[in-house]
Amino acid sequence: MGVPSGMELIIIALVVLLLFGGKKIPELAKGLGNGIKNFKKAIKEDDVEEKKDDAEIIEAKEDTATAVKSEESQKS
């Protein structure tokens, strides 16, 4: 099963046109486009949130290291 040839693509397009009609296809394409757009937006927001969480973890580790050094210097 390879990539459909030109004639097969034309037949598929005609079947889709018959099933959904000419007026419904732009609406379906618009809905698909909006879905892809929202998916990409959610991925970007997740990446930003993940980076923010990573920065908070690093900051907490640095604060802990500073506190340990401070306690050690006070004991000496």
N, C-alpha and C. Protein backbone atom coordinates (compact mmCIF):
# COMPACT_ATOMS: atom_id res chain seq x y z
N MET A 1 0.85 -1.17 0.00
CA MET A 1 0.00 0.00 0.00
C MET A 1 0.89 1.23 0.00
N GLY A 2 0.94 1.87 -1.12
CA GLY A 2 1.75 3.07 -1.26
C GLY A 2 0.88 4.31 -1.27
N VAL A 3 1.44 5.36 -1.73
CA VAL A 3 0.74 6.63 -1.85
C VAL A 3 -0.24 6.54 -3.03
N PRO A 4 -1.48 7.02 -2.84
CA PRO A 4 -2.44 6.96 -3.93
C PRO A 4 -1.97 7.77 -5.15
N SER A 5 -2.27 7.24 -6.33
CA SER A 5 -1.88 7.95 -7.55
C SER A 5 -2.88 9.08 -7.83
N GLY A 6 -2.64 9.80 -8.91
CA GLY A 6 -3.49 10.94 -9.26
C GLY A 6 -4.94 10.55 -9.47
N MET A 7 -5.18 9.45 -10.19
CA MET A 7 -6.55 9.02 -10.46
C MET A 7 -7.25 8.59 -9.17
N GLU A 8 -6.54 7.92 -8.30
CA GLU A 8 -7.13 7.51 -7.02
C GLU A 8 -7.49 8.72 -6.17
N LEU A 9 -6.65 9.74 -6.18
CA LEU A 9 -6.95 10.96 -5.42
C LEU A 9 -8.20 11.65 -5.97
N ILE A 10 -8.36 11.65 -7.27
CA ILE A 10 -9.55 12.26 -7.89
C ILE A 10 -10.80 11.50 -7.47
N ILE A 11 -10.73 10.19 -7.46
CA ILE A 11 -11.88 9.38 -7.05
C ILE A 11 -12.22 9.64 -5.58
N ILE A 12 -11.20 9.70 -4.74
CA ILE A 12 -11.42 9.99 -3.32
C ILE A 12 -12.07 11.36 -3.16
N ALA A 13 -11.60 12.36 -3.89
CA ALA A 13 -12.17 13.71 -3.81
C ALA A 13 -13.63 13.71 -4.25
N LEU A 14 -13.95 12.98 -5.29
CA LEU A 14 -15.34 12.91 -5.75
C LEU A 14 -16.24 12.23 -4.72
N VAL A 15 -15.75 11.17 -4.09
CA VAL A 15 -16.54 10.50 -3.06
C VAL A 15 -16.79 11.44 -1.89
N VAL A 16 -15.77 12.17 -1.47
CA VAL A 16 -15.93 13.13 -0.36
C VAL A 16 -16.94 14.20 -0.76
N LEU A 17 -16.85 14.68 -1.98
CA LEU A 17 -17.78 15.70 -2.46
C LEU A 17 -19.21 15.17 -2.47
N LEU A 18 -19.40 13.94 -2.89
CA LEU A 18 -20.74 13.35 -2.89
C LEU A 18 -21.27 13.14 -1.48
N LEU A 19 -20.41 12.73 -0.56
CA LEU A 19 -20.85 12.47 0.81
C LEU A 19 -21.21 13.74 1.57
N PHE A 20 -20.40 14.76 1.45
CA PHE A 20 -20.58 15.95 2.27
C PHE A 20 -21.21 17.12 1.53
N GLY A 21 -21.13 17.15 0.23
CA GLY A 21 -21.67 18.28 -0.53
C GLY A 21 -20.69 19.43 -0.60
N GLY A 22 -20.87 20.26 -1.61
CA GLY A 22 -19.95 21.37 -1.85
C GLY A 22 -19.96 22.43 -0.76
N LYS A 23 -21.10 22.63 -0.11
CA LYS A 23 -21.18 23.68 0.92
C LYS A 23 -20.60 23.23 2.25
N LYS A 24 -20.60 21.95 2.50
CA LYS A 24 -20.15 21.44 3.80
C LYS A 24 -18.62 21.31 3.88
N ILE A 25 -17.96 21.12 2.75
CA ILE A 25 -16.51 20.91 2.75
C ILE A 25 -15.74 22.10 3.31
N PRO A 26 -16.06 23.36 2.92
CA PRO A 26 -15.33 24.49 3.54
C PRO A 26 -15.53 24.57 5.05
N GLU A 27 -16.72 24.22 5.52
CA GLU A 27 -16.97 24.23 6.96
C GLU A 27 -16.12 23.17 7.65
N LEU A 28 -16.02 22.00 7.04
CA LEU A 28 -15.20 20.94 7.61
C LEU A 28 -13.73 21.34 7.63
N ALA A 29 -13.26 21.96 6.55
CA ALA A 29 -11.87 22.41 6.48
C ALA A 29 -11.59 23.48 7.53
N LYS A 30 -12.55 24.39 7.73
CA LYS A 30 -12.39 25.44 8.73
C LYS A 30 -12.33 24.82 10.14
N GLY A 31 -13.19 23.86 10.40
CA GLY A 31 -13.17 23.18 11.69
C GLY A 31 -11.86 22.45 11.93
N LEU A 32 -11.36 21.79 10.89
CA LEU A 32 -10.08 21.10 11.00
C LEU A 32 -8.95 22.09 11.26
N GLY A 33 -8.98 23.21 10.56
CA GLY A 33 -7.96 24.24 10.76
C GLY A 33 -7.99 24.80 12.18
N ASN A 34 -9.19 25.05 12.70
CA ASN A 34 -9.31 25.55 14.07
C ASN A 34 -8.80 24.52 15.08
N GLY A 35 -9.08 23.25 14.82
CA GLY A 35 -8.61 22.20 15.70
C GLY A 35 -7.09 22.13 15.74
N ILE A 36 -6.47 22.23 14.57
CA ILE A 36 -5.01 22.20 14.50
C ILE A 36 -4.42 23.42 15.20
N LYS A 37 -5.05 24.58 14.99
CA LYS A 37 -4.58 25.82 15.62
C LYS A 37 -4.65 25.71 17.15
N ASN A 38 -5.75 25.18 17.67
CA ASN A 38 -5.90 25.03 19.12
C ASN A 38 -4.91 24.02 19.68
N PHE A 39 -4.65 22.96 18.91
CA PHE A 39 -3.69 21.95 19.33
C PHE A 39 -2.29 22.55 19.46
N LYS A 40 -1.89 23.32 18.45
CA LYS A 40 -0.56 23.95 18.48
C LYS A 40 -0.46 24.95 19.64
N LYS A 41 -1.54 25.68 19.89
CA LYS A 41 -1.56 26.65 20.99
C LYS A 41 -1.40 25.94 22.33
N ALA A 42 -2.10 24.81 22.49
CA ALA A 42 -2.00 24.06 23.74
C ALA A 42 -0.59 23.51 23.94
N ILE A 43 0.04 23.05 22.87
CA ILE A 43 1.41 22.53 22.97
C ILE A 43 2.35 23.65 23.38
N LYS A 44 2.19 24.83 22.77
CA LYS A 44 3.06 25.96 23.10
C LYS A 44 2.88 26.37 24.56
N GLU A 45 1.62 26.42 25.04
CA GLU A 45 1.36 26.79 26.42
C GLU A 45 1.95 25.76 27.38
N ASP A 46 1.89 24.48 27.00
CA ASP A 46 2.44 23.43 27.84
C ASP A 46 3.95 23.56 27.93
N ASP A 47 4.61 23.90 26.81
CA ASP A 47 6.06 24.09 26.81
C ASP A 47 6.46 25.25 27.71
N VAL A 48 5.70 26.34 27.64
CA VAL A 48 6.00 27.51 28.48
C VAL A 48 5.83 27.16 29.95
N GLU A 49 4.76 26.42 30.26
CA GLU A 49 4.51 26.03 31.64
C GLU A 49 5.60 25.08 32.14
N GLU A 50 6.04 24.18 31.29
CA GLU A 50 7.09 23.24 31.67
C GLU A 50 8.40 23.97 31.95
N LYS A 51 8.74 24.95 31.12
CA LYS A 51 9.95 25.74 31.34
C LYS A 51 9.86 26.52 32.64
N LYS A 52 8.66 27.03 32.94
CA LYS A 52 8.46 27.78 34.18
C LYS A 52 8.65 26.86 35.38
N ASP A 53 8.11 25.64 35.30
CA ASP A 53 8.28 24.67 36.38
C ASP A 53 9.75 24.30 36.56
N ASP A 54 10.47 24.11 35.46
CA ASP A 54 11.89 23.79 35.53
C ASP A 54 12.66 24.92 36.20
N ALA A 55 12.32 26.16 35.87
CA ALA A 55 13.01 27.31 36.47
C ALA A 55 12.74 27.37 37.97
N GLU A 56 11.52 27.04 38.39
CA GLU A 56 11.20 27.06 39.81
C GLU A 56 11.97 25.96 40.55
N ILE A 57 12.14 24.81 39.94
CA ILE A 57 12.89 23.71 40.56
C ILE A 57 14.35 24.12 40.72
N ILE A 58 14.92 24.71 39.68
CA ILE A 58 16.32 25.14 39.75
C ILE A 58 16.49 26.20 40.83
N GLU A 59 15.56 27.13 40.90
CA GLU A 59 15.63 28.18 41.92
C GLU A 59 15.54 27.58 43.32
N ALA A 60 14.67 26.60 43.51
CA ALA A 60 14.54 25.96 44.82
C ALA A 60 15.82 25.23 45.20
N LYS A 61 16.47 24.57 44.24
CA LYS A 61 17.73 23.88 44.52
C LYS A 61 18.81 24.88 44.90
N GLU A 62 18.85 26.02 44.20
CA GLU A 62 19.85 27.04 44.51
C GLU A 62 19.61 27.61 45.90
N ASP A 63 18.34 27.83 46.26
CA ASP A 63 18.02 28.33 47.59
C ASP A 63 18.45 27.34 48.67
N THR A 64 18.24 26.05 48.42
CA THR A 64 18.62 25.02 49.37
C THR A 64 20.14 24.98 49.53
N ALA A 65 20.86 25.06 48.43
CA ALA A 65 22.33 25.05 48.49
C ALA A 65 22.84 26.26 49.25
N THR A 66 22.24 27.42 49.05
CA THR A 66 22.64 28.63 49.76
C THR A 66 22.37 28.49 51.25
N ALA A 67 21.24 27.89 51.61
CA ALA A 67 20.91 27.71 53.02
C ALA A 67 21.88 26.75 53.69
N VAL A 68 22.26 25.69 52.99
CA VAL A 68 23.20 24.73 53.55
C VAL A 68 24.56 25.38 53.77
N LYS A 69 25.03 26.16 52.81
CA LYS A 69 26.31 26.85 52.95
C LYS A 69 26.27 27.83 54.11
N SER A 70 25.13 28.51 54.27
CA SER A 70 24.98 29.47 55.36
C SER A 70 25.04 28.78 56.71
N GLU A 71 24.39 27.62 56.82
CA GLU A 71 24.41 26.88 58.08
C GLU A 71 25.81 26.38 58.39
N GLU A 72 26.53 25.91 57.37
CA GLU A 72 27.89 25.42 57.57
C GLU A 72 28.83 26.54 58.02
N SER A 73 28.65 27.72 57.47
CA SER A 73 29.53 28.84 57.86
C SER A 73 29.20 29.31 59.28
N GLN A 74 27.96 29.17 59.70
CA GLN A 74 27.59 29.57 61.05
C GLN A 74 28.14 28.59 62.10
N LYS A 75 28.26 27.31 61.73
CA LYS A 75 28.78 26.29 62.63
C LYS A 75 30.28 26.47 62.84
N SER A 76 30.97 27.01 61.88
CA SER A 76 32.43 27.13 61.96
C SER A 76 32.88 28.25 62.83
